[in-house]
Amino acid sequence: MMKSMMDLLSGGKLSLENCIFLMVTLLPSMVSYALPFGFVTATLLTLGEMSANREFIALKSSGIGPLKIFSSILFLAGCGTLLSLMVNFHYAPLAISRVKTKIQNIIREEPLRFVTPQQFIRDFPGYIIFVQSLDHGQLNDFHLWKIDDQEKVDSYIHAKCGTLSYDEQKQALTLTLSEGTAEKALSEGKDAPLVSFRELSYDLSMENIFKSMQTRKKIRHMTLSEMLVLRRQSIREGDFRKQMELTVNIQTQCAMAFSILVLVLLALPLAVKWNRRGTSLNVAIALLICIIYYFLMMILSSLAERPRLHPELIVWLPNILLQTLGIGMCWKLCRH
């Protein structure tokens, strides 16, 4: 996240204020990764310290067994799971939508931020723009290529100078160009007529720009209600591949949320058994556990294109394996 924001900031496309706003807005989308690591780290640090200080022996001699101690931690992990479910299916997709809306507003309010001199600009879908220099809002030696659906040049405009502004009535970015030429590509074998102009007004449709942002919306960035609507539509249309992709994504988001409970259940006996007081070691162990879990999830999620293997069920395999291991270790610990 920092890298992408810094690239936009260093390129002059975002102000520092907008960059900070977008970073804060995107924070909910990181919760599904931060919560499991945070819970596992806290569990290892707390119980490792208690075990190193022989507090478990003192509590057991007072009639308080490990199960009672673990129950409060598991309750908090369950609350974290519910929070992660809400974030994965609602707040994280909304955060990503807010970021796209903010970027759209930046394009409207400060379109010149997306114009970098001496670079081919492809931020506006359907167009390629090149500007030799930018002087107090004036575009010098301006070039514009309009690209069709087949990625071929449909028309070309060159102007000595021009300005770029947003027209609220037209809902478009308006280019006001001076002293230039324009030509439109024709079929092969025909010469394109060259038209000179002293002043030309050209509109870059914002609908085309914003439509490209919306059509690129990934399934994993949709809310639960959006995915269910799209799934019902894919069922009606008989699009089994899309239906399976949506089902796998829903199950994956659920499994990721329940990973908090699963990983904490595994961390409980490990913290007591290893009897480690060091912060760095416990953080490293928590990171290793989470990396192993996410690695397994990443591999199994790639099976979405193989419906015969029932990937919507396979994505739960890491949870089942680690939960079984954790329950077995907790049972053994409580028994002894």
Protein backbone atom coordinates (compact mmCIF):
# COMPACT_ATOMS: atom_id res chain seq x y z
CA MET A 1 0.00 0.00 0.00
CA MET A 2 2.80 2.40 0.93
CA LYS A 3 4.63 1.67 -2.31
CA SER A 4 1.63 2.37 -4.54
CA MET A 5 0.80 5.56 -2.65
CA MET A 6 4.40 6.76 -2.73
CA ASP A 7 4.56 6.16 -6.50
CA LEU A 8 1.50 8.36 -7.00
CA LEU A 9 2.87 10.97 -4.60
CA SER A 10 6.33 11.10 -6.16
CA GLY A 11 4.78 11.28 -9.62
CA GLY A 12 2.88 14.39 -8.58
CA LYS A 13 -0.51 12.76 -9.15
CA LEU A 14 -1.47 12.99 -5.48
CA SER A 15 -0.95 15.70 -2.90
CA LEU A 16 0.35 14.70 0.53
CA GLU A 17 -3.09 15.36 2.04
CA ASN A 18 -4.85 13.13 -0.50
CA CYS A 19 -2.19 10.46 -0.11
CA ILE A 20 -2.71 10.30 3.66
CA PHE A 21 -6.49 10.23 3.20
CA LEU A 22 -6.28 7.30 0.75
CA MET A 23 -3.91 5.38 3.03
CA VAL A 24 -6.23 5.80 6.03
CA THR A 25 -9.24 4.86 3.90
CA LEU A 26 -7.54 1.64 2.77
CA LEU A 27 -6.72 0.50 6.31
CA PRO A 28 -9.93 -1.61 6.73
CA SER A 29 -8.90 -3.75 3.77
CA MET A 30 -5.76 -4.76 5.74
CA VAL A 31 -7.71 -6.00 8.77
CA SER A 32 -8.15 -9.55 7.46
CA TYR A 33 -4.35 -9.89 7.38
CA ALA A 34 -3.49 -7.83 10.46
CA LEU A 35 -5.96 -9.35 12.95
CA PRO A 36 -4.74 -12.98 12.74
CA PHE A 37 -1.11 -11.92 13.08
CA GLY A 38 -1.99 -9.54 15.94
CA PHE A 39 -3.98 -12.17 17.85
CA VAL A 40 -1.33 -14.87 17.44
CA THR A 41 1.46 -12.49 18.49
CA ALA A 42 -0.46 -11.30 21.56
CA THR A 43 -1.25 -14.90 22.54
CA LEU A 44 2.37 -16.02 22.26
CA LEU A 45 3.69 -12.98 24.14
CA THR A 46 1.17 -13.18 27.00
CA LEU A 47 1.09 -16.93 27.58
CA GLY A 48 4.82 -17.28 26.95
CA GLU A 49 5.49 -14.78 29.73
CA MET A 50 3.04 -16.54 32.05
CA SER A 51 4.59 -19.92 31.34
CA ALA A 52 8.14 -18.62 31.82
CA ASN A 53 7.17 -17.17 35.23
CA ARG A 54 5.56 -20.49 36.29
CA GLU A 55 2.20 -18.72 36.65
CA PHE A 56 0.40 -21.70 35.12
CA ILE A 57 1.61 -23.88 37.96
CA ALA A 58 0.39 -21.32 40.50
CA LEU A 59 -3.02 -21.05 38.82
CA LYS A 60 -3.38 -24.81 38.56
CA SER A 61 -2.58 -25.20 42.26
CA SER A 62 -5.41 -22.73 42.92
CA GLY A 63 -7.85 -24.88 40.95
CA ILE A 64 -7.77 -22.87 37.72
CA GLY A 65 -6.93 -25.13 34.79
CA PRO A 66 -5.64 -24.17 31.33
CA LEU A 67 -9.12 -24.52 29.82
CA LYS A 68 -10.49 -21.66 31.93
CA ILE A 69 -7.52 -19.47 31.02
CA PHE A 70 -7.85 -20.31 27.34
CA SER A 71 -11.61 -19.66 27.27
CA SER A 72 -11.25 -15.89 27.66
CA ILE A 73 -8.66 -15.73 24.86
CA LEU A 74 -10.85 -17.88 22.60
CA PHE A 75 -13.81 -15.59 23.33
CA LEU A 76 -11.78 -12.57 22.20
CA ALA A 77 -10.63 -14.51 19.13
CA GLY A 78 -14.29 -15.26 18.35
CA CYS A 79 -15.08 -11.54 18.56
CA GLY A 80 -12.14 -10.87 16.24
CA THR A 81 -13.57 -13.44 13.80
CA LEU A 82 -16.93 -11.66 13.72
CA LEU A 83 -15.17 -8.34 13.18
CA SER A 84 -13.12 -9.83 10.35
CA LEU A 85 -16.28 -11.20 8.69
CA MET A 86 -17.86 -7.76 8.73
CA VAL A 87 -14.70 -6.18 7.36
CA ASN A 88 -14.13 -8.78 4.62
CA PHE A 89 -17.70 -8.69 3.32
CA HIS A 90 -18.62 -5.04 3.86
CA TYR A 91 -16.15 -2.47 5.14
CA ALA A 92 -13.08 -3.47 3.08
CA PRO A 93 -14.94 -3.40 -0.29
CA LEU A 94 -16.52 -0.07 0.70
CA ALA A 95 -13.07 1.31 1.54
CA ILE A 96 -11.77 0.36 -1.90
CA SER A 97 -14.85 1.96 -3.51
CA ARG A 98 -14.22 5.17 -1.52
CA VAL A 99 -10.63 5.23 -2.79
CA LYS A 100 -11.84 4.97 -6.40
CA THR A 101 -14.40 7.73 -5.77
CA LYS A 102 -11.68 9.94 -4.27
CA ILE A 103 -9.45 9.37 -7.28
CA GLN A 104 -12.36 10.33 -9.56
CA ASN A 105 -12.82 13.55 -7.58
CA ILE A 106 -9.10 14.28 -7.85
CA ILE A 107 -9.33 13.90 -11.64
CA ARG A 108 -12.24 16.36 -11.66
CA GLU A 109 -10.66 18.91 -9.34
CA GLU A 110 -7.00 18.65 -10.34
CA PRO A 111 -6.76 17.07 -13.81
CA LEU A 112 -3.31 18.55 -14.45
CA ARG A 113 -1.86 16.31 -11.71
CA PHE A 114 -2.28 13.40 -14.11
CA VAL A 115 -0.32 15.16 -16.85
CA THR A 116 3.41 14.49 -16.54
CA PRO A 117 5.64 16.32 -19.05
CA GLN A 118 7.80 14.28 -21.45
CA GLN A 119 5.97 11.05 -20.68
CA PHE A 120 3.33 9.11 -22.55
CA ILE A 121 0.22 9.35 -20.35
CA ARG A 122 -2.18 6.40 -20.44
CA ASP A 123 -4.24 7.22 -17.34
CA PHE A 124 -7.20 8.28 -19.51
CA PRO A 125 -8.68 5.15 -21.15
CA GLY A 126 -8.99 5.44 -24.90
CA TYR A 127 -6.34 8.15 -25.16
CA ILE A 128 -2.56 8.53 -25.16
CA ILE A 129 -1.28 12.01 -24.29
CA PHE A 130 2.18 13.50 -24.57
CA VAL A 131 3.17 17.00 -23.40
CA GLN A 132 6.63 18.45 -23.88
CA SER A 133 6.35 20.88 -20.95
CA LEU A 134 3.86 22.29 -18.46
CA ASP A 135 4.08 25.99 -17.67
CA HIS A 136 1.62 27.50 -15.15
CA GLY A 137 -1.21 25.26 -16.29
CA GLN A 138 -0.43 25.60 -20.00
CA LEU A 139 0.34 22.47 -22.00
CA ASN A 140 3.16 23.13 -24.47
CA ASP A 141 3.73 21.00 -27.59
CA PHE A 142 0.65 18.89 -26.97
CA HIS A 143 0.03 15.50 -28.67
CA LEU A 144 -3.09 13.35 -28.36
CA TRP A 145 -3.79 9.94 -29.89
CA LYS A 146 -7.30 8.50 -29.71
CA ILE A 147 -7.23 4.69 -29.56
CA ASP A 148 -10.07 2.43 -30.72
CA ASP A 149 -11.16 -0.91 -29.23
CA GLN A 150 -8.55 -2.74 -31.30
CA GLU A 151 -5.72 -0.64 -29.83
CA LYS A 152 -5.23 1.19 -33.14
CA VAL A 153 -4.91 4.95 -33.60
CA ASP A 154 -8.28 6.39 -34.60
CA SER A 155 -7.25 10.05 -34.73
CA TYR A 156 -4.30 12.29 -33.87
CA ILE A 157 -4.17 15.91 -32.68
CA HIS A 158 -1.13 18.11 -32.30
CA ALA A 159 -1.19 21.64 -30.89
CA LYS A 160 1.39 24.24 -30.01
CA CYS A 161 -0.23 24.84 -26.62
CA GLY A 162 -3.43 24.23 -24.69
CA THR A 163 -5.19 24.07 -21.35
CA LEU A 164 -7.08 21.33 -19.50
CA SER A 165 -10.10 21.95 -17.27
CA TYR A 166 -13.18 20.15 -15.96
CA ASP A 167 -16.61 21.13 -17.33
CA GLU A 168 -19.32 20.33 -14.77
CA GLN A 169 -22.19 20.73 -17.26
CA LYS A 170 -20.68 18.33 -19.79
CA GLN A 171 -19.20 16.04 -17.09
CA ALA A 172 -16.01 15.97 -19.13
CA LEU A 173 -12.43 17.17 -19.17
CA THR A 174 -12.19 19.94 -21.76
CA LEU A 175 -9.03 20.49 -23.77
CA THR A 176 -8.71 23.98 -25.26
CA LEU A 177 -5.99 23.76 -27.90
CA SER A 178 -4.37 26.52 -29.97
CA GLU A 179 -2.51 26.51 -33.30
CA GLY A 180 -2.42 22.88 -34.32
CA THR A 181 -3.43 20.15 -36.72
CA ALA A 182 -5.77 17.18 -36.56
CA GLU A 183 -6.10 14.07 -38.69
CA LYS A 184 -8.34 11.00 -38.62
CA ALA A 185 -7.16 7.54 -39.61
CA LEU A 186 -8.87 6.07 -42.67
CA SER A 187 -8.93 2.61 -44.15
CA GLU A 188 -5.72 1.20 -45.59
CA GLY A 189 -4.60 2.73 -48.85
CA LYS A 190 -6.23 6.09 -48.20
CA ASP A 191 -4.47 9.22 -47.01
CA ALA A 192 -5.81 10.88 -43.87
CA PRO A 193 -6.79 14.51 -44.46
CA LEU A 194 -4.84 17.00 -42.37
CA VAL A 195 -6.93 19.81 -40.86
CA SER A 196 -5.35 22.93 -39.39
CA PHE A 197 -7.00 24.94 -36.64
CA ARG A 198 -6.32 28.10 -34.72
CA GLU A 199 -8.38 27.05 -31.71
CA LEU A 200 -10.03 23.72 -30.92
CA SER A 201 -12.12 22.51 -27.98
CA TYR A 202 -11.96 18.77 -27.35
CA ASP A 203 -13.79 16.84 -24.62
CA LEU A 204 -12.34 13.79 -22.85
CA SER A 205 -15.41 11.89 -21.71
CA MET A 206 -15.31 11.25 -17.95
CA GLU A 207 -17.87 8.47 -18.44
CA ASN A 208 -15.26 6.56 -20.41
CA ILE A 209 -12.67 7.11 -17.69
CA PHE A 210 -14.95 6.18 -14.77
CA LYS A 211 -16.47 3.26 -16.64
CA SER A 212 -13.05 1.70 -16.96
CA MET A 213 -12.59 1.99 -13.19
CA GLN A 214 -15.91 0.30 -12.52
CA THR A 215 -15.49 -2.52 -15.05
CA ARG A 216 -12.15 -3.45 -13.55
CA LYS A 217 -13.71 -4.11 -10.16
CA LYS A 218 -12.51 -7.49 -9.00
CA ILE A 219 -14.75 -10.06 -7.38
CA ARG A 220 -12.67 -10.02 -4.20
CA HIS A 221 -13.36 -6.26 -3.93
CA MET A 222 -17.15 -6.73 -3.91
CA THR A 223 -19.43 -6.71 -0.87
CA LEU A 224 -21.31 -9.87 0.06
CA SER A 225 -24.59 -8.49 -1.29
CA GLU A 226 -22.93 -7.62 -4.63
CA MET A 227 -21.45 -11.10 -4.92
CA LEU A 228 -24.77 -12.78 -4.13
CA VAL A 229 -26.57 -10.69 -6.76
CA LEU A 230 -23.88 -11.51 -9.33
CA ARG A 231 -24.03 -15.19 -8.36
CA ARG A 232 -27.81 -15.35 -8.89
CA GLN A 233 -27.31 -13.65 -12.26
CA SER A 234 -24.62 -16.16 -13.27
CA ILE A 235 -26.95 -19.02 -12.29
CA ARG A 236 -29.71 -17.61 -14.52
CA GLU A 237 -27.28 -17.16 -17.40
CA GLY A 238 -25.77 -20.61 -16.92
CA ASP A 239 -22.27 -19.19 -16.40
CA PHE A 240 -20.92 -21.99 -14.21
CA ARG A 241 -17.36 -20.66 -14.23
CA LYS A 242 -18.40 -17.27 -12.84
CA GLN A 243 -20.67 -18.97 -10.31
CA MET A 244 -17.80 -21.15 -9.08
CA GLU A 245 -15.43 -18.16 -8.89
CA LEU A 246 -17.92 -16.24 -6.73
CA THR A 247 -18.59 -19.24 -4.49
CA VAL A 248 -14.87 -19.85 -3.96
CA ASN A 249 -14.29 -16.18 -3.13
CA ILE A 250 -17.13 -16.15 -0.55
CA GLN A 251 -15.82 -19.31 1.09
CA THR A 252 -12.25 -17.97 1.04
CA GLN A 253 -13.28 -14.75 2.77
CA CYS A 254 -15.12 -16.78 5.43
CA ALA A 255 -12.13 -19.09 5.93
CA MET A 256 -9.78 -16.09 6.24
CA ALA A 257 -12.01 -14.60 8.95
CA PHE A 258 -12.14 -17.87 10.92
CA SER A 259 -8.35 -18.13 10.66
CA ILE A 260 -8.15 -15.88 13.74
CA LEU A 261 -9.85 -18.51 15.87
CA VAL A 262 -7.92 -21.35 14.25
CA LEU A 263 -4.47 -19.79 14.59
CA VAL A 264 -5.08 -18.67 18.18
CA LEU A 265 -6.19 -22.22 19.02
CA LEU A 266 -2.86 -23.44 17.64
CA ALA A 267 -0.84 -20.70 19.38
CA LEU A 268 -2.27 -21.43 22.86
CA PRO A 269 -0.49 -24.76 23.49
CA LEU A 270 2.62 -23.64 21.60
CA ALA A 271 3.07 -20.63 23.89
CA VAL A 272 2.81 -22.77 27.01
CA LYS A 273 4.97 -25.58 25.67
CA TRP A 274 7.83 -23.46 24.33
CA ASN A 275 7.99 -21.40 27.51
CA ARG A 276 9.59 -18.40 25.76
CA ARG A 277 9.78 -14.90 27.22
CA GLY A 278 11.54 -13.10 24.32
CA THR A 279 9.47 -10.69 22.27
CA SER A 280 11.42 -11.06 19.02
CA LEU A 281 11.19 -14.86 19.02
CA ASN A 282 7.46 -14.86 19.69
CA VAL A 283 6.85 -12.33 16.91
CA ALA A 284 8.94 -14.47 14.54
CA ILE A 285 6.96 -17.60 15.47
CA ALA A 286 3.66 -15.74 14.94
CA LEU A 287 4.85 -14.50 11.56
CA LEU A 288 5.91 -18.03 10.55
CA ILE A 289 2.54 -19.49 11.53
CA CYS A 290 0.65 -16.84 9.55
CA ILE A 291 2.92 -17.19 6.52
CA ILE A 292 2.36 -20.95 6.44
CA TYR A 293 -1.40 -20.45 6.67
CA TYR A 294 -1.55 -17.79 3.92
CA PHE A 295 0.74 -19.84 1.72
CA LEU A 296 -1.63 -22.81 1.95
CA MET A 297 -4.63 -20.56 1.28
CA MET A 298 -2.93 -19.03 -1.74
CA ILE A 299 -2.21 -22.44 -3.24
CA LEU A 300 -5.71 -23.80 -2.64
CA SER A 301 -7.41 -20.63 -3.92
CA SER A 302 -5.74 -21.22 -7.28
CA LEU A 303 -7.90 -24.33 -7.67
CA ALA A 304 -10.95 -22.15 -8.40
CA GLU A 305 -10.52 -22.96 -12.09
CA ARG A 306 -10.89 -26.69 -11.40
CA PRO A 307 -14.51 -27.17 -10.30
CA ARG A 308 -14.20 -30.96 -10.27
CA LEU A 309 -11.97 -30.68 -7.18
CA HIS A 310 -14.65 -28.68 -5.29
CA PRO A 311 -12.39 -25.72 -4.47
CA GLU A 312 -15.18 -24.09 -2.41
CA LEU A 313 -14.61 -26.89 0.13
CA ILE A 314 -10.85 -27.30 -0.29
CA VAL A 315 -10.19 -23.69 0.83
CA TRP A 316 -11.31 -24.78 4.31
CA LEU A 317 -8.62 -27.47 4.44
CA PRO A 318 -5.92 -25.31 6.16
CA ASN A 319 -8.45 -24.30 8.82
CA ILE A 320 -9.49 -27.89 9.42
CA LEU A 321 -5.91 -29.21 9.59
CA LEU A 322 -4.59 -26.46 11.90
CA GLN A 323 -7.72 -26.52 14.06
CA THR A 324 -7.44 -30.30 14.50
CA LEU A 325 -3.79 -29.93 15.42
CA GLY A 326 -4.56 -27.13 17.89
CA ILE A 327 -7.42 -29.03 19.56
CA GLY A 328 -5.21 -32.11 19.91
CA MET A 329 -2.37 -30.11 21.50
CA CYS A 330 -4.78 -28.27 23.83
CA TRP A 331 -6.38 -31.53 24.92
CA LYS A 332 -2.96 -33.04 25.62
CA LEU A 333 -1.91 -29.94 27.57
CA CYS A 334 -5.08 -29.91 29.69
CA ARG A 335 -4.74 -33.63 30.34
CA HIS A 336 -1.25 -33.24 31.77
